[in-house]
Amino acid sequence: MDTESTYSGYSYYSGRSRGSHRHGERSREHRKSRSKDSRSEKSVTINTPPAEPLLGDSALRAEQLQDDNWGETTTAITGTSEHSLSQEDIVRITKDLEDSVGLDCRRYFTLTLAVILGLLVFLTPLAFLVLPHLLWPEKLQSCGMACEGLFISVAFKLLILLLAVWALFFRPTRASLPRVLIFRALLAVLVLLFVGSYWLFYGVRILDTQDENYQGIVQYAVSLVDALLFIHYLAVILLELRQLQPGFSVCVTRSTDGETRHYNLGQLSIQRAALAILEHYYCDFPVHNPALLSASKSRAAKHLAGLKVYNVDGELPTAPAEGPGNNAAAGMAHSQSRAMIAAAARRRDSSHNELYYEEAEHERRVRKRRARLVVAVEEAFTHIKRMQEEEQKKTPGDVMDPREAAQAIFPSMARALQKYLRTTKQQHCHSMESIQQHLAFCITNNMTPKAFLESYLKPGPTLQYSRNHWLSRQWTLISEASVTSGLKDATVFLLKCVDFNLVVTAKKIPYIQMSEEYIDPKSHKFVLRLQSETSV
C-alpha cells in the first residue's frame, strides 16, 4: 500500500515537472542565498539534557489526536492510523539519532576523564605512603607517634577533599554547552601539572635514592594533600564566587510577542550567560502562545484584502494615440483610480476604530466567559463538599477517591471551561486529562475554587504546562563574538529555537559614586516666639 501511494504521488508530480522547474530553480537560489547569509554569522548549539516523556509514544499520539470538542462530549476520542515515512522523515530521524549518540558519547567521555583525574588525585598520596613499605621496607626508619598523627591528618583531609570535590564537580549536568568551560579546563590542567611535578620529585628524590626517612615521606604526602585543598579553594572562587557579584544587566526579549524580562548577571562567558537565561526563561516567561499572534495577522490580512492599487501614471492598454473619445476614457479611469485610492486612505484612517471596537468586544466576551466559569467551578466544588459530608457516613470501603470525584464533577464545568479557553486562545495548552489531574490534585489538597482557576485565568510559566510545550531539546546560540569570551557592554546574542528567538542585550552596570554631606543637627533648631495679643 505504501509503495503504491508513493508511486501514484510520484506520477502526479512528474506531470507537473514543467511548472515546478522554475520553482525549483528559485528554491535552489534561495538556499544558496541562505547559506551565504549563514556563513556571515557564528552559531553554536546548546543541547538541554534529554528527558523521557511522561507517557509513551502511543499515548502522545493519542493525546495529539484528541477531539477538540471535549467540552460537549467530555470523552477523549483516540484513533490509530497508518503512516508511511518519507525520505525526509528518515533523514531527520537519522540526524536526531546521530546528534543524540554524539551528545551521549561526549557526556560519557567527559565523565570518564573526570573520574580518571579524580582517582589519580586521591590515589597519589596513598601511593606515596605505601610504595616505600613495598620496595625497601628493611631500610625505613620508624617514626612512631609522629607518623601516626600524620596518618590521621592525611585520612581526614582526603575525606574532606572527597566530599568537597563531590559537592562542586560531580553534580547532575544541567545542559550540554557548545564549548569547553575555560576555568574548568585550566583547573584540570593545573591539577595534572601539580600531580605530575610531585610524582617527578618523588621518583627522583625518594624512589631512586630509597630514602630511609619515612617521616619526611609522610610529610611530603601531607603537603600534597594541603596543596590539593588549596586548589579546590581556588576552584570555588573561580567557578562559584566570581559570578555572584552582579556586573551586567541583560534584557531578554521574545521575538514573537515582545515579552521582556531583565536579569542581573555576574562575570560570565556568553555561553554560561545563555544557560542562566534559559534557566530563568522556563520559570519567568509565560508560555508561548502562537494562537494569540494569528489574530493580529488575520486582522492585517483582512485590512490589506480591502485595498486596491491602481497604476495612475501608467499607460492604458491598447489605447490609440489620438481621439477625443480615448482622452475622455483616460480621464475617467484616472479619476476613478484617484477616488479608489482616497477611499482606501479613508479605510486606513478608520481601521483604528475597528481595532478599538474589536478589542472591546473581545474583552466583553472574556469577562462573560470568565463569570460563567467561576460560577460553574464554585457550584462543582460545593457539590464536592456535599459528597464529602455524605461519604463520611459511609463505610471506609465505599469512600470515593479524588480521581473518581474529579471525573464525577468535571462534566458540570467542562463546557464553561472549554468556552473560556477557546475565547482566550488557550485550548491547545490544556487537555481534558491534564485538567482532570489538576482537579484531582486540588481536591486531594483541599484547595479552593480560586486556587483551581488560577492556572487557567492567567497564563503561567512554561514549566507549568505539559512537556510537549517545553521539551525542546535544542537551542541554537548565535553570536558574533566567541561564546567563550566574557560578557561586555552592548553585547548582543540570540537564543534560537523552532518557534521563536530570544534576543539578549547586555548592559554593564555603571560605576556608582556616592558622597557624604554632613548636616549640623543645630541647624534644624528654631525658636517660636509668642506674643500676648495672639490667640496662641
Protein backbone atom coordinates (compact mmCIF):
# COMPACT_ATOMS: atom_id res chain seq x y z
CA MET A 1 0.00 0.00 0.00
CA ASP A 2 2.79 2.36 0.84
CA THR A 3 4.66 1.66 -2.37
CA GLU A 4 1.55 2.20 -4.45
CA SER A 5 0.79 5.51 -2.76
CA THR A 6 4.38 6.60 -3.25
CA TYR A 7 4.31 5.69 -6.94
CA SER A 8 0.99 7.46 -7.53
CA GLY A 9 2.31 10.58 -5.84
CA TYR A 10 5.41 10.43 -7.98
CA SER A 11 3.42 10.10 -11.21
CA TYR A 12 1.21 13.03 -10.22
CA TYR A 13 4.11 15.32 -9.56
CA SER A 14 6.01 14.19 -12.65
CA GLY A 15 3.16 15.52 -14.76
CA ARG A 16 3.74 18.94 -13.23
CA SER A 17 7.50 18.91 -13.69
CA ARG A 18 7.48 21.70 -16.25
CA GLY A 19 5.51 24.01 -13.97
CA SER A 20 7.68 23.24 -10.96
CA HIS A 21 11.01 23.59 -12.77
CA ARG A 22 11.11 27.36 -12.27
CA HIS A 23 10.02 26.95 -8.66
CA GLY A 24 12.91 24.51 -8.09
CA GLU A 25 15.38 26.99 -9.54
CA ARG A 26 14.05 29.72 -7.26
CA SER A 27 14.28 27.43 -4.21
CA ARG A 28 17.87 26.49 -5.06
CA GLU A 29 18.79 30.18 -5.41
CA HIS A 30 17.04 30.85 -2.10
CA ARG A 31 19.00 28.07 -0.39
CA LYS A 32 22.27 29.42 -1.81
CA SER A 33 21.47 32.91 -0.52
CA ARG A 34 20.58 31.49 2.90
CA SER A 35 23.82 29.52 3.01
CA LYS A 36 25.79 32.68 2.17
CA ASP A 37 23.97 34.59 4.91
CA SER A 38 24.56 31.81 7.41
CA ARG A 39 28.32 31.92 6.79
CA SER A 40 28.39 35.55 7.94
CA GLU A 41 27.21 34.73 11.47
CA LYS A 42 28.55 32.33 14.06
CA SER A 43 26.09 29.90 15.56
CA VAL A 44 26.55 27.14 18.09
CA THR A 45 24.08 24.79 19.70
CA ILE A 46 23.10 24.33 23.32
CA ASN A 47 21.55 20.93 23.99
CA THR A 48 19.43 20.62 27.09
CA PRO A 49 19.65 17.25 28.85
CA PRO A 50 17.27 14.72 27.31
CA ALA A 51 14.27 13.85 29.40
CA GLU A 52 11.88 10.96 28.96
CA PRO A 53 8.24 11.88 28.39
CA LEU A 54 5.64 11.11 30.99
CA LEU A 55 3.73 8.92 28.57
CA GLY A 56 4.78 6.57 25.84
CA ASP A 57 4.77 7.29 22.14
CA SER A 58 1.32 5.76 21.68
CA ALA A 59 -0.10 7.88 24.49
CA LEU A 60 1.41 11.02 23.00
CA ARG A 61 -0.14 10.24 19.61
CA ALA A 62 -3.48 9.65 21.29
CA GLU A 63 -3.24 13.00 23.07
CA GLN A 64 -2.40 14.73 19.79
CA LEU A 65 -5.39 13.08 18.07
CA GLN A 66 -7.70 14.06 20.91
CA ASP A 67 -11.03 15.57 19.91
CA ASP A 68 -11.21 19.31 20.47
CA ASN A 69 -14.87 19.14 21.50
CA TRP A 70 -14.25 17.61 24.91
CA GLY A 71 -16.42 20.33 26.49
CA GLU A 72 -19.53 18.96 24.75
CA THR A 73 -18.78 15.24 24.88
CA THR A 74 -16.46 15.04 27.94
CA THR A 75 -14.88 11.96 26.40
CA ALA A 76 -11.49 11.50 24.77
CA ILE A 77 -11.68 10.13 21.24
CA THR A 78 -8.50 8.46 20.08
CA GLY A 79 -7.67 6.57 16.96
CA THR A 80 -4.88 4.88 15.11
CA SER A 81 -3.80 5.35 11.55
CA GLU A 82 -1.08 4.03 9.29
CA HIS A 83 1.63 6.44 8.30
CA SER A 84 4.33 5.95 5.70
CA LEU A 85 7.68 7.53 6.36
CA SER A 86 9.08 9.70 3.62
CA GLN A 87 12.73 10.06 2.82
CA GLU A 88 12.89 13.45 4.55
CA ASP A 89 11.47 11.92 7.75
CA ILE A 90 14.05 9.13 7.64
CA VAL A 91 16.88 11.65 7.17
CA ARG A 92 15.57 13.79 10.03
CA ILE A 93 15.24 10.78 12.37
CA THR A 94 18.73 9.60 11.45
CA LYS A 95 20.16 13.05 12.13
CA ASP A 96 18.41 13.18 15.51
CA LEU A 97 19.81 9.76 16.42
CA GLU A 98 23.31 10.80 15.40
CA ASP A 99 23.04 14.00 17.44
CA SER A 100 21.79 12.11 20.48
CA VAL A 101 24.52 9.49 20.18
CA GLY A 102 27.16 12.19 19.82
CA LEU A 103 25.79 14.02 22.83
CA ASP A 104 25.80 10.86 24.97
CA CYS A 105 29.35 9.97 23.88
CA ARG A 106 30.52 13.47 24.72
CA ARG A 107 28.91 13.35 28.15
CA TYR A 108 30.34 9.93 28.98
CA PHE A 109 33.77 10.90 27.68
CA THR A 110 33.84 13.98 29.92
CA LEU A 111 32.64 11.95 32.89
CA THR A 112 35.29 9.29 32.24
CA LEU A 113 38.08 11.89 32.16
CA ALA A 114 36.80 13.44 35.39
CA VAL A 115 36.72 10.04 37.15
CA ILE A 116 40.25 9.18 35.96
CA LEU A 117 41.59 12.53 37.14
CA GLY A 118 39.83 12.15 40.49
CA LEU A 119 41.27 8.67 41.05
CA LEU A 120 44.74 9.94 40.16
CA VAL A 121 44.42 12.77 42.69
CA PHE A 122 43.16 10.61 45.57
CA LEU A 123 45.42 7.60 44.99
CA THR A 124 48.65 9.61 44.66
CA PRO A 125 49.07 10.46 48.40
CA LEU A 126 48.26 6.87 49.34
CA ALA A 127 50.82 5.61 46.82
CA PHE A 128 53.44 7.93 48.35
CA LEU A 129 52.84 6.27 51.74
CA VAL A 130 52.62 2.65 50.55
CA LEU A 131 55.45 2.38 47.99
CA PRO A 132 58.32 2.66 50.50
CA HIS A 133 56.87 -0.25 52.55
CA LEU A 134 56.65 -2.37 49.40
CA LEU A 135 60.05 -1.55 47.82
CA TRP A 136 62.54 -1.12 50.71
CA PRO A 137 60.81 -1.97 53.99
CA GLU A 138 64.02 -3.08 55.77
CA LYS A 139 65.70 0.33 55.31
CA LEU A 140 62.90 2.54 56.62
CA GLN A 141 63.27 4.28 59.94
CA SER A 142 60.35 4.05 62.32
CA CYS A 143 58.83 7.37 63.29
CA GLY A 144 56.31 6.24 65.93
CA MET A 145 53.67 8.68 67.18
CA ALA A 146 54.62 11.43 64.75
CA CYS A 147 53.77 9.29 61.71
CA GLU A 148 50.55 8.04 63.27
CA GLY A 149 49.36 11.63 63.81
CA LEU A 150 50.23 12.48 60.22
CA PHE A 151 48.30 9.40 59.04
CA ILE A 152 45.18 10.64 60.81
CA SER A 153 45.69 14.11 59.29
CA VAL A 154 46.01 12.67 55.76
CA ALA A 155 42.91 10.49 56.22
CA PHE A 156 40.65 13.32 57.38
CA LYS A 157 41.97 15.77 54.77
CA LEU A 158 41.35 13.26 51.98
CA LEU A 159 37.82 12.69 53.29
CA ILE A 160 37.16 16.44 53.33
CA LEU A 161 38.63 16.78 49.83
CA LEU A 162 36.48 13.91 48.57
CA LEU A 163 33.27 15.50 49.88
CA ALA A 164 34.26 18.93 48.54
CA VAL A 165 35.05 17.59 45.06
CA TRP A 166 31.79 15.64 45.00
CA ALA A 167 29.78 18.72 46.01
CA LEU A 168 31.43 21.02 43.45
CA PHE A 169 32.11 18.89 40.39
CA PHE A 170 30.05 15.70 40.49
CA ARG A 171 26.63 17.32 40.20
CA PRO A 172 23.91 16.42 37.65
CA THR A 173 24.60 18.21 34.40
CA ARG A 174 22.01 20.85 33.55
CA ALA A 175 22.91 21.22 29.88
CA SER A 176 25.50 20.45 27.25
CA LEU A 177 27.33 23.61 26.25
CA PRO A 178 28.88 24.01 22.78
CA ARG A 179 32.38 24.90 24.02
CA VAL A 180 34.60 23.78 26.87
CA LEU A 181 34.46 25.81 30.08
CA ILE A 182 37.75 27.66 30.27
CA PHE A 183 38.13 27.76 34.05
CA ARG A 184 37.35 24.04 34.42
CA ALA A 185 39.90 23.19 31.74
CA LEU A 186 42.52 25.41 33.40
CA LEU A 187 41.88 23.78 36.78
CA ALA A 188 42.19 20.30 35.27
CA VAL A 189 45.48 21.23 33.58
CA LEU A 190 46.74 22.77 36.84
CA VAL A 191 45.94 19.60 38.79
CA LEU A 192 47.68 17.44 36.19
CA LEU A 193 50.81 19.60 36.22
CA PHE A 194 50.80 19.71 40.00
CA VAL A 195 50.43 15.95 40.48
CA GLY A 196 52.95 15.27 37.71
CA SER A 197 55.56 17.55 39.31
CA TYR A 198 55.04 15.81 42.68
CA TRP A 199 55.48 12.41 41.04
CA LEU A 200 58.61 13.62 39.27
CA PHE A 201 60.13 14.89 42.52
CA TYR A 202 59.07 11.69 44.32
CA GLY A 203 60.68 9.47 41.68
CA VAL A 204 63.96 11.37 41.57
CA ARG A 205 64.49 12.15 45.26
CA ILE A 206 62.78 9.22 47.01
CA LEU A 207 62.40 6.21 44.69
CA ASP A 208 65.87 6.42 43.12
CA THR A 209 67.71 7.08 46.40
CA GLN A 210 65.44 4.85 48.52
CA ASP A 211 65.15 7.45 51.24
CA GLU A 212 65.14 5.94 54.74
CA ASN A 213 63.44 8.92 56.48
CA TYR A 214 59.84 7.73 56.43
CA GLN A 215 58.61 10.72 58.47
CA GLY A 216 59.83 13.04 55.72
CA ILE A 217 57.98 10.94 53.13
CA VAL A 218 54.77 11.19 55.14
CA GLN A 219 55.14 14.95 55.48
CA TYR A 220 55.69 15.11 51.71
CA ALA A 221 52.33 13.35 51.17
CA VAL A 222 50.67 15.70 53.66
CA SER A 223 51.97 18.72 51.74
CA LEU A 224 50.45 17.28 48.54
CA VAL A 225 47.04 16.93 50.20
CA ASP A 226 47.26 20.50 51.53
CA ALA A 227 48.08 21.81 48.07
CA LEU A 228 45.11 19.93 46.61
CA LEU A 229 42.84 21.54 49.19
CA PHE A 230 44.11 24.97 48.17
CA ILE A 231 43.45 24.15 44.51
CA HIS A 232 39.89 23.22 45.43
CA TYR A 233 39.54 26.56 47.22
CA LEU A 234 40.72 28.26 44.01
CA ALA A 235 38.10 26.27 42.06
CA VAL A 236 35.33 27.50 44.38
CA ILE A 237 36.43 31.11 43.81
CA LEU A 238 36.64 30.83 40.03
CA LEU A 239 33.55 28.71 39.42
CA GLU A 240 31.12 29.86 42.10
CA LEU A 241 32.09 33.08 43.90
CA ARG A 242 33.35 35.07 40.93
CA GLN A 243 29.92 35.22 39.25
CA LEU A 244 27.92 36.15 42.35
CA GLN A 245 28.59 39.87 42.20
CA PRO A 246 26.28 41.46 39.57
CA GLY A 247 28.18 43.14 36.79
CA PHE A 248 25.75 43.21 33.87
CA SER A 249 22.05 43.83 33.35
CA VAL A 250 20.69 41.73 30.48
CA CYS A 251 17.44 42.40 28.67
CA VAL A 252 15.76 39.27 27.25
CA THR A 253 13.04 39.83 24.63
CA ARG A 254 10.97 37.16 22.91
CA SER A 255 10.84 37.92 19.20
CA THR A 256 7.22 36.93 18.56
CA ASP A 257 5.17 38.70 21.23
CA GLY A 258 7.79 41.08 22.68
CA GLU A 259 7.65 39.60 26.21
CA THR A 260 10.62 41.10 28.08
CA ARG A 261 12.45 40.31 31.31
CA HIS A 262 15.56 41.82 32.92
CA TYR A 263 18.18 39.93 34.90
CA ASN A 264 21.42 40.79 36.68
CA LEU A 265 24.36 38.53 35.89
CA GLY A 266 27.95 38.41 37.04
CA GLN A 267 31.21 37.86 35.21
CA LEU A 268 30.14 35.04 32.89
CA SER A 269 31.02 33.86 29.44
CA ILE A 270 28.42 34.18 26.71
CA GLN A 271 27.53 30.50 26.76
CA ARG A 272 27.23 30.45 30.58
CA ALA A 273 25.07 33.58 30.42
CA ALA A 274 22.87 31.89 27.79
CA LEU A 275 22.47 28.88 30.08
CA ALA A 276 21.48 31.09 33.02
CA ILE A 277 18.96 32.95 30.83
CA LEU A 278 17.36 29.70 29.64
CA GLU A 279 17.00 28.51 33.23
CA HIS A 280 15.20 31.75 34.08
CA TYR A 281 13.13 31.60 30.90
CA TYR A 282 11.31 28.38 31.77
CA CYS A 283 10.29 29.79 35.16
CA ASP A 284 9.68 33.50 34.46
CA PHE A 285 8.33 33.84 30.93
CA PRO A 286 4.68 32.97 30.25
CA VAL A 287 4.09 30.10 27.88
CA HIS A 288 4.48 30.92 24.19
CA ASN A 289 1.03 31.02 22.59
CA PRO A 290 1.12 31.27 18.77
CA ALA A 291 -2.70 31.47 18.62
CA LEU A 292 -2.62 34.99 20.05
CA LEU A 293 -0.33 36.09 17.22
CA SER A 294 -2.56 34.68 14.48
CA ALA A 295 -5.37 37.08 15.44
CA SER A 296 -3.30 40.17 14.63
CA LYS A 297 -2.05 38.59 11.39
CA SER A 298 -5.60 37.80 10.26
CA ARG A 299 -6.68 41.37 11.04
CA ALA A 300 -3.82 42.77 8.95
CA ALA A 301 -4.59 40.40 6.08
CA LYS A 302 -8.26 41.38 6.21
CA HIS A 303 -7.31 45.05 6.03
CA LEU A 304 -4.94 44.54 3.12
CA ALA A 305 -7.52 42.49 1.23
CA GLY A 306 -9.80 45.54 1.04
CA LEU A 307 -7.14 47.71 -0.60
CA LYS A 308 -6.86 48.01 -4.38
CA VAL A 309 -3.84 49.53 -6.07
CA TYR A 310 -4.09 51.19 -9.47
CA ASN A 311 -1.37 52.39 -11.80
CA VAL A 312 -2.30 56.08 -12.10
CA ASP A 313 0.65 57.23 -14.14
CA GLY A 314 0.80 54.21 -16.42
CA GLU A 315 -0.49 54.00 -19.99
CA LEU A 316 -3.85 52.49 -20.81
CA PRO A 317 -3.54 49.19 -22.66
CA THR A 318 -4.32 49.16 -26.37
CA ALA A 319 -5.23 52.85 -26.40
CA PRO A 320 -4.84 54.84 -29.64
CA ALA A 321 -2.56 57.80 -29.66
CA GLU A 322 -5.23 60.39 -30.54
CA GLY A 323 -9.01 60.89 -30.42
CA PRO A 324 -11.46 62.72 -28.18
CA GLY A 325 -13.18 59.51 -27.04
CA ASN A 326 -9.92 57.98 -25.94
CA ASN A 327 -8.93 61.09 -24.00
CA ALA A 328 -12.28 61.07 -22.19
CA ALA A 329 -11.86 57.38 -21.25
CA ALA A 330 -8.35 58.04 -19.97
CA GLY A 331 -9.57 60.95 -17.83
CA MET A 332 -12.42 58.85 -16.43
CA ALA A 333 -10.05 55.98 -15.48
CA HIS A 334 -7.65 58.46 -13.93
CA SER A 335 -10.41 59.99 -11.77
CA GLN A 336 -11.74 56.55 -10.75
CA SER A 337 -8.29 55.38 -9.66
CA ARG A 338 -7.79 58.51 -7.59
CA ALA A 339 -11.20 58.00 -5.98
CA MET A 340 -10.34 54.39 -5.08
CA ILE A 341 -7.02 55.43 -3.52
CA ALA A 342 -8.80 58.11 -1.49
CA ALA A 343 -11.33 55.54 -0.29
CA ALA A 344 -8.50 53.19 0.71
CA ALA A 345 -6.86 56.01 2.66
CA ARG A 346 -10.15 56.68 4.48
CA ARG A 347 -10.45 52.99 5.23
CA ARG A 348 -6.93 53.01 6.67
CA ASP A 349 -7.76 56.02 8.85
CA SER A 350 -10.85 54.27 10.23
CA SER A 351 -9.04 50.98 10.93
CA HIS A 352 -8.10 52.07 14.44
CA ASN A 353 -11.80 52.42 15.25
CA GLU A 354 -12.40 48.86 14.08
CA LEU A 355 -9.50 47.66 16.21
CA TYR A 356 -10.84 49.51 19.25
CA TYR A 357 -14.34 48.01 18.96
CA GLU A 358 -12.93 44.57 18.20
CA GLU A 359 -10.78 44.58 21.33
CA ALA A 360 -13.66 45.93 23.42
CA GLU A 361 -15.94 43.14 22.15
CA HIS A 362 -13.26 40.56 22.87
CA GLU A 363 -12.79 41.83 26.43
CA ARG A 364 -16.55 41.73 26.97
CA ARG A 365 -16.70 38.12 25.80
CA VAL A 366 -13.78 37.17 28.01
CA ARG A 367 -15.42 38.72 31.08
CA LYS A 368 -18.67 36.95 30.28
CA ARG A 369 -16.99 33.55 29.83
CA ARG A 370 -14.95 34.09 32.96
CA ALA A 371 -18.01 34.85 35.07
CA ARG A 372 -19.77 31.71 33.84
CA LEU A 373 -16.67 29.64 34.51
CA VAL A 374 -16.26 30.95 38.05
CA VAL A 375 -19.90 30.18 38.87
CA ALA A 376 -19.68 26.67 37.39
CA VAL A 377 -16.49 25.84 39.31
CA GLU A 378 -17.87 27.16 42.59
CA GLU A 379 -21.01 25.04 42.17
CA ALA A 380 -18.88 21.98 41.39
CA PHE A 381 -16.73 22.48 44.50
CA THR A 382 -19.87 22.98 46.58
CA HIS A 383 -21.10 19.64 45.26
CA ILE A 384 -17.78 18.10 46.33
CA LYS A 385 -18.26 19.31 49.89
CA ARG A 386 -21.71 17.75 49.99
CA MET A 387 -20.28 14.49 48.65
CA GLN A 388 -17.55 14.52 51.31
CA GLU A 389 -20.12 15.03 54.04
CA GLU A 390 -22.15 12.12 52.72
CA GLU A 391 -19.12 9.86 52.36
CA GLN A 392 -18.15 10.36 55.99
CA LYS A 393 -21.31 8.46 56.91
CA LYS A 394 -20.46 5.54 54.64
CA THR A 395 -18.21 2.59 55.35
CA PRO A 396 -14.47 3.00 54.61
CA GLY A 397 -14.68 0.65 51.64
CA ASP A 398 -17.24 2.82 49.81
CA VAL A 399 -15.33 6.12 50.01
CA MET A 400 -14.64 7.71 46.60
CA ASP A 401 -11.03 8.61 45.83
CA PRO A 402 -10.10 12.11 44.49
CA ARG A 403 -9.67 10.82 40.93
CA GLU A 404 -13.21 9.46 40.83
CA ALA A 405 -14.57 12.63 42.43
CA ALA A 406 -12.83 14.76 39.78
CA GLN A 407 -14.29 12.64 36.99
CA ALA A 408 -17.74 12.93 38.58
CA ILE A 409 -17.86 16.74 38.79
CA PHE A 410 -15.84 17.54 35.67
CA PRO A 411 -18.79 17.40 33.21
CA SER A 412 -20.58 20.18 35.13
CA MET A 413 -17.76 22.65 34.43
CA ALA A 414 -16.34 21.25 31.20
CA ARG A 415 -18.47 23.31 28.78
CA ALA A 416 -17.86 26.63 30.56
CA LEU A 417 -14.14 25.91 30.84
CA GLN A 418 -13.82 24.95 27.18
CA LYS A 419 -15.62 28.10 26.01
CA TYR A 420 -13.37 30.26 28.16
CA LEU A 421 -10.21 28.54 26.87
CA ARG A 422 -11.36 28.96 23.28
CA THR A 423 -12.13 32.62 23.80
CA THR A 424 -8.69 33.27 25.34
CA LYS A 425 -6.89 31.05 22.75
CA GLN A 426 -5.64 28.56 25.36
CA GLN A 427 -7.43 25.41 24.22
CA HIS A 428 -4.23 23.85 22.86
CA CYS A 429 -2.42 24.32 26.19
CA HIS A 430 -4.83 22.29 28.34
CA SER A 431 -6.14 18.84 27.56
CA MET A 432 -9.02 17.09 29.27
CA GLU A 433 -6.64 14.69 31.00
CA SER A 434 -4.45 17.47 32.39
CA ILE A 435 -7.49 19.39 33.68
CA GLN A 436 -8.81 16.30 35.45
CA GLN A 437 -5.41 15.66 37.01
CA HIS A 438 -5.25 19.25 38.26
CA LEU A 439 -8.80 18.98 39.60
CA ALA A 440 -7.94 15.76 41.45
CA PHE A 441 -4.83 17.44 42.86
CA CYS A 442 -6.92 20.37 44.16
CA ILE A 443 -9.46 18.01 45.72
CA THR A 444 -6.72 15.98 47.41
CA ASN A 445 -5.11 19.05 48.97
CA ASN A 446 -8.46 20.69 49.91
CA MET A 447 -7.87 23.74 47.69
CA THR A 448 -10.44 26.43 46.94
CA PRO A 449 -12.11 27.10 43.56
CA LYS A 450 -9.98 30.22 43.14
CA ALA A 451 -6.82 28.13 43.51
CA PHE A 452 -8.11 25.73 40.85
CA LEU A 453 -8.94 28.54 38.41
CA GLU A 454 -5.62 30.34 38.83
CA SER A 455 -3.96 28.02 36.31
CA TYR A 456 -6.49 28.93 33.60
CA LEU A 457 -7.33 32.58 34.23
CA LYS A 458 -3.72 33.74 33.90
CA PRO A 459 -1.02 32.36 31.58
CA GLY A 460 1.59 30.67 33.72
CA PRO A 461 5.28 29.91 33.18
CA THR A 462 6.33 27.34 30.64
CA LEU A 463 7.12 24.60 33.17
CA GLN A 464 3.52 24.68 34.42
CA TYR A 465 2.22 23.02 31.25
CA SER A 466 2.76 19.58 29.77
CA ARG A 467 6.12 18.55 28.46
CA ASN A 468 5.26 18.92 24.79
CA HIS A 469 5.21 22.71 25.36
CA TRP A 470 8.71 22.95 26.84
CA LEU A 471 10.53 19.72 25.95
CA SER A 472 12.72 21.46 23.40
CA ARG A 473 16.00 19.60 23.48
CA GLN A 474 17.95 22.00 21.32
CA TRP A 475 18.65 25.73 21.41
CA THR A 476 20.98 27.47 18.99
CA LEU A 477 23.23 30.25 20.28
CA ILE A 478 24.05 32.85 17.61
CA SER A 479 26.74 35.37 18.49
CA GLU A 480 29.25 37.46 16.57
CA ALA A 481 31.77 37.18 19.40
CA SER A 482 33.22 33.92 20.63
CA VAL A 483 30.92 32.14 23.06
CA THR A 484 33.83 31.51 25.45
CA SER A 485 34.54 35.23 25.80
CA GLY A 486 33.08 37.14 28.73
CA LEU A 487 30.13 39.48 28.68
CA LYS A 488 30.87 43.07 27.70
CA ASP A 489 28.90 46.26 27.42
CA ALA A 490 26.47 46.24 24.45
CA THR A 491 26.94 42.51 23.84
CA VAL A 492 24.06 41.11 21.76
CA PHE A 493 23.36 37.45 21.05
CA LEU A 494 20.37 35.30 20.08
CA LEU A 495 18.94 32.09 21.51
CA LYS A 496 17.04 30.42 18.71
CA CYS A 497 14.56 27.55 18.88
CA VAL A 498 11.94 26.25 16.46
CA ASP A 499 9.12 28.74 17.10
CA PHE A 500 10.81 31.94 18.26
CA ASN A 501 14.05 33.68 19.23
CA LEU A 502 15.26 35.21 22.47
CA VAL A 503 17.17 38.42 21.79
CA VAL A 504 19.60 39.16 24.63
CA THR A 505 21.25 42.56 25.12
CA ALA A 506 23.80 43.06 27.90
CA LYS A 507 24.48 46.41 29.54
CA LYS A 508 27.23 46.95 32.07
CA ILE A 509 26.08 48.17 35.45
CA PRO A 510 27.58 51.68 35.83
CA TYR A 511 30.09 52.63 38.46
CA ILE A 512 28.23 54.18 41.37
CA GLN A 513 29.89 57.03 43.20
CA MET A 514 28.44 58.17 46.50
CA SER A 515 29.42 61.17 48.57
CA GLU A 516 28.52 62.17 52.09
CA GLU A 517 27.15 65.53 53.15
CA TYR A 518 27.19 66.43 56.82
CA ILE A 519 24.25 68.36 58.25
CA ASP A 520 24.73 70.08 61.56
CA PRO A 521 21.99 68.98 64.00
CA LYS A 522 21.79 72.54 65.39
CA SER A 523 20.69 73.88 62.01
CA HIS A 524 17.30 72.20 62.46
CA LYS A 525 16.51 74.03 65.69
CA PHE A 526 14.28 77.11 65.73
CA VAL A 527 12.70 79.37 68.34
CA LEU A 528 8.97 80.07 68.49
CA ARG A 529 8.25 83.49 69.90
CA LEU A 530 4.73 84.11 71.11
CA GLN A 531 3.03 87.46 71.71
CA SER A 532 0.44 88.00 74.42
CA GLU A 533 -2.08 89.53 72.00
CA THR A 534 -2.28 86.45 69.75
CA SER A 535 -4.72 83.62 70.32
CA VAL A 536 -1.87 81.11 70.53
